Each structure stands twice: as structure tokens, then as C-alpha cells.
N, C-alpha and C. Protein backbone atom coordinates (compact mmCIF):
# COMPACT_ATOMS: atom_id res chain seq x y z
N UNK A 1 22.39 8.27 -9.85
CA UNK A 1 22.40 9.39 -10.76
C UNK A 1 21.73 9.04 -12.08
N UNK A 2 21.69 7.77 -12.42
CA UNK A 2 21.09 7.39 -13.69
C UNK A 2 19.57 7.35 -13.64
N UNK A 3 19.01 7.25 -12.46
CA UNK A 3 17.56 7.18 -12.32
C UNK A 3 17.12 7.96 -11.07
N UNK A 4 17.20 9.28 -11.11
CA UNK A 4 16.87 10.07 -9.92
C UNK A 4 15.41 9.94 -9.48
N UNK A 5 14.53 9.57 -10.40
CA UNK A 5 13.13 9.42 -10.04
C UNK A 5 12.91 8.29 -9.03
N UNK A 6 13.86 7.34 -9.00
CA UNK A 6 13.72 6.23 -8.06
C UNK A 6 13.81 6.69 -6.61
N UNK A 7 14.49 7.79 -6.36
CA UNK A 7 14.60 8.30 -4.98
C UNK A 7 13.23 8.72 -4.47
N UNK A 8 12.50 9.49 -5.23
CA UNK A 8 11.19 9.95 -4.76
C UNK A 8 10.19 8.80 -4.77
N UNK A 9 10.35 7.87 -5.71
CA UNK A 9 9.46 6.71 -5.70
C UNK A 9 9.71 5.85 -4.46
N UNK A 10 10.96 5.76 -4.02
CA UNK A 10 11.26 5.05 -2.78
C UNK A 10 10.61 5.72 -1.58
N UNK A 11 10.65 7.05 -1.57
CA UNK A 11 9.99 7.79 -0.49
C UNK A 11 8.48 7.57 -0.53
N UNK A 12 7.92 7.52 -1.73
CA UNK A 12 6.49 7.28 -1.87
C UNK A 12 6.12 5.89 -1.36
N UNK A 13 6.97 4.90 -1.66
CA UNK A 13 6.72 3.55 -1.14
C UNK A 13 6.71 3.54 0.39
N UNK A 14 7.66 4.23 0.99
CA UNK A 14 7.70 4.30 2.46
C UNK A 14 6.44 4.97 3.00
N UNK A 15 6.00 6.04 2.35
CA UNK A 15 4.78 6.73 2.78
C UNK A 15 3.56 5.82 2.63
N UNK A 16 3.51 5.05 1.55
CA UNK A 16 2.40 4.12 1.36
C UNK A 16 2.37 3.07 2.47
N UNK A 17 3.54 2.53 2.81
CA UNK A 17 3.61 1.55 3.90
C UNK A 17 3.09 2.14 5.21
N UNK A 18 3.52 3.35 5.51
CA UNK A 18 3.06 4.00 6.75
C UNK A 18 1.56 4.28 6.72
N UNK A 19 1.06 4.70 5.57
CA UNK A 19 -0.37 4.98 5.45
C UNK A 19 -1.19 3.70 5.67
N UNK A 20 -0.73 2.59 5.13
CA UNK A 20 -1.46 1.33 5.33
C UNK A 20 -1.48 0.94 6.80
N UNK A 21 -0.34 1.04 7.45
CA UNK A 21 -0.28 0.71 8.89
C UNK A 21 -1.22 1.62 9.68
N UNK A 22 -1.22 2.90 9.37
CA UNK A 22 -2.08 3.85 10.08
C UNK A 22 -3.56 3.55 9.84
N UNK A 23 -3.91 3.20 8.62
CA UNK A 23 -5.31 2.90 8.32
C UNK A 23 -5.77 1.65 9.07
N UNK A 24 -4.94 0.63 9.10
CA UNK A 24 -5.31 -0.59 9.83
C UNK A 24 -5.41 -0.31 11.32
N UNK A 25 -4.51 0.52 11.85
CA UNK A 25 -4.57 0.86 13.27
C UNK A 25 -5.83 1.65 13.59
N UNK A 26 -6.25 2.51 12.67
CA UNK A 26 -7.43 3.35 12.91
C UNK A 26 -8.74 2.58 12.71
N UNK A 27 -8.68 1.49 11.97
CA UNK A 27 -9.88 0.70 11.68
C UNK A 27 -9.68 -0.73 12.17
N UNK A 28 -9.91 -0.99 13.46
CA UNK A 28 -9.63 -2.31 14.02
C UNK A 28 -10.38 -3.45 13.32
N UNK A 29 -11.51 -3.14 12.70
CA UNK A 29 -12.24 -4.22 12.03
C UNK A 29 -11.52 -4.74 10.79
N UNK A 30 -10.45 -4.08 10.38
CA UNK A 30 -9.64 -4.58 9.27
C UNK A 30 -8.68 -5.68 9.72
N UNK A 31 -8.49 -5.82 11.03
CA UNK A 31 -7.63 -6.89 11.56
C UNK A 31 -8.32 -8.24 11.33
N UNK A 32 -7.56 -9.27 11.00
CA UNK A 32 -8.18 -10.59 10.83
C UNK A 32 -8.74 -11.09 12.16
N UNK A 33 -9.82 -11.83 12.09
CA UNK A 33 -10.43 -12.40 13.29
C UNK A 33 -9.94 -13.83 13.48
N UNK A 34 -10.10 -14.34 14.67
CA UNK A 34 -9.63 -15.70 14.98
C UNK A 34 -10.34 -16.75 14.14
N UNK A 35 -11.63 -16.51 13.84
CA UNK A 35 -12.37 -17.51 13.07
C UNK A 35 -12.23 -17.32 11.55
N UNK A 36 -11.47 -16.33 11.14
CA UNK A 36 -11.23 -16.13 9.72
C UNK A 36 -12.31 -15.34 9.00
N UNK A 37 -13.33 -14.92 9.72
CA UNK A 37 -14.41 -14.14 9.12
C UNK A 37 -14.18 -12.66 9.35
N UNK A 38 -14.64 -11.86 8.43
CA UNK A 38 -14.54 -10.41 8.60
C UNK A 38 -15.45 -9.95 9.73
N UNK A 39 -14.95 -9.00 10.50
CA UNK A 39 -15.78 -8.37 11.52
C UNK A 39 -16.80 -7.48 10.81
N UNK A 40 -17.79 -7.03 11.55
CA UNK A 40 -18.76 -6.10 10.99
C UNK A 40 -18.01 -4.89 10.47
N UNK A 41 -18.33 -4.47 9.27
CA UNK A 41 -17.60 -3.37 8.63
C UNK A 41 -18.39 -2.08 8.68
N UNK A 42 -17.69 -1.00 8.97
CA UNK A 42 -18.27 0.33 8.88
C UNK A 42 -17.94 0.91 7.50
N UNK A 43 -18.59 1.99 7.15
CA UNK A 43 -18.29 2.66 5.89
C UNK A 43 -16.83 3.14 5.88
N UNK A 44 -16.36 3.63 7.02
CA UNK A 44 -14.97 4.09 7.11
C UNK A 44 -14.01 2.94 6.86
N UNK A 45 -14.29 1.76 7.41
CA UNK A 45 -13.43 0.60 7.21
C UNK A 45 -13.46 0.15 5.75
N UNK A 46 -14.61 0.19 5.13
CA UNK A 46 -14.70 -0.17 3.72
C UNK A 46 -13.88 0.77 2.86
N UNK A 47 -13.96 2.06 3.15
CA UNK A 47 -13.17 3.03 2.39
C UNK A 47 -11.68 2.87 2.67
N UNK A 48 -11.33 2.60 3.92
CA UNK A 48 -9.93 2.37 4.25
C UNK A 48 -9.41 1.15 3.50
N UNK A 49 -10.23 0.11 3.41
CA UNK A 49 -9.84 -1.09 2.68
C UNK A 49 -9.60 -0.78 1.21
N UNK A 50 -10.42 0.07 0.63
CA UNK A 50 -10.24 0.49 -0.76
C UNK A 50 -8.94 1.27 -0.93
N UNK A 51 -8.67 2.19 -0.01
CA UNK A 51 -7.42 2.96 -0.06
C UNK A 51 -6.22 2.01 0.04
N UNK A 52 -6.30 1.04 0.93
CA UNK A 52 -5.21 0.08 1.10
C UNK A 52 -4.99 -0.71 -0.18
N UNK A 53 -6.06 -1.17 -0.80
CA UNK A 53 -5.92 -1.93 -2.05
C UNK A 53 -5.27 -1.08 -3.13
N UNK A 54 -5.67 0.17 -3.22
CA UNK A 54 -5.08 1.03 -4.25
C UNK A 54 -3.63 1.39 -3.93
N UNK A 55 -3.32 1.55 -2.65
CA UNK A 55 -1.94 1.82 -2.24
C UNK A 55 -1.06 0.63 -2.58
N UNK A 56 -1.57 -0.58 -2.36
CA UNK A 56 -0.81 -1.78 -2.69
C UNK A 56 -0.62 -1.90 -4.21
N UNK A 57 -1.63 -1.52 -4.97
CA UNK A 57 -1.50 -1.55 -6.43
C UNK A 57 -0.45 -0.54 -6.89
N UNK A 58 -0.45 0.65 -6.29
CA UNK A 58 0.56 1.65 -6.64
C UNK A 58 1.95 1.16 -6.28
N UNK A 59 2.09 0.54 -5.12
CA UNK A 59 3.39 0.01 -4.70
C UNK A 59 3.86 -1.06 -5.68
N UNK A 60 2.95 -1.89 -6.17
CA UNK A 60 3.32 -2.92 -7.16
C UNK A 60 3.75 -2.27 -8.47
N UNK A 61 3.06 -1.21 -8.87
CA UNK A 61 3.43 -0.51 -10.10
C UNK A 61 4.82 0.13 -9.96
N UNK A 62 5.10 0.69 -8.81
CA UNK A 62 6.42 1.28 -8.57
C UNK A 62 7.50 0.21 -8.63
N UNK A 63 7.23 -0.94 -8.02
CA UNK A 63 8.20 -2.04 -8.05
C UNK A 63 8.42 -2.50 -9.49
N UNK A 64 7.37 -2.58 -10.26
CA UNK A 64 7.50 -2.96 -11.66
C UNK A 64 8.31 -1.94 -12.45
N UNK A 65 8.08 -0.67 -12.17
CA UNK A 65 8.85 0.37 -12.83
C UNK A 65 10.33 0.24 -12.49
N UNK A 66 10.62 -0.01 -11.22
CA UNK A 66 12.01 -0.14 -10.77
C UNK A 66 12.70 -1.27 -11.53
N UNK A 67 12.00 -2.40 -11.67
CA UNK A 67 12.58 -3.54 -12.38
C UNK A 67 12.83 -3.17 -13.85
N UNK A 68 11.86 -2.58 -14.49
CA UNK A 68 12.02 -2.22 -15.90
C UNK A 68 13.10 -1.15 -16.08
N UNK A 69 13.21 -0.24 -15.14
CA UNK A 69 14.20 0.84 -15.23
C UNK A 69 15.62 0.29 -15.08
N UNK A 70 15.75 -0.80 -14.35
CA UNK A 70 17.08 -1.36 -14.11
C UNK A 70 17.58 -2.20 -15.28
N UNK A 71 16.70 -2.51 -16.22
CA UNK A 71 17.13 -3.30 -17.37
C UNK A 71 17.71 -2.39 -18.45
N UNK A 72 18.68 -2.90 -19.18
CA UNK A 72 19.27 -2.08 -20.25
C UNK A 72 18.25 -1.84 -21.37
N UNK A 73 18.43 -0.76 -22.05
CA UNK A 73 17.50 -0.39 -23.13
C UNK A 73 17.64 -1.28 -24.31
């Protein structure tokens, strides 16, 4: 009750996790290769990689907000 915004931010985090999994599933070239080198990349995979990076940045920002929100004023 003291931080109702955390509920929707938690839902957003779950949606971000699902979106990342779906993007990796849809773009197999994002999977790591056995030799450690990137597979040939398509434009779609490059864009998916950018979306993933930004989703991870948003998730980190949400986590940071949660930590700051839990501290006393």
C-alpha cells in the first residue's frame, strides 16, 4: 500500500522478461554459437538485439527504483 506503483512495475518486468525470451526464440542467430562467435546477423536480429538491450536497461532502472523506494526518506 505504501508503493502501489511497484505492482505495475513488477508486471512490466515480467512482460520484459517474456519479450526477451520471445525475441531470442524468433531470432535464432541471437543464440550463442559453440565457437563463441556471432552467427551471421540479419537486420531483424540486429533490431531485436537493440530491443533486448533497451529492455534490460529498463529492467535495471526499475530494479534501481525499487531499491531507492524501499529506503526511508
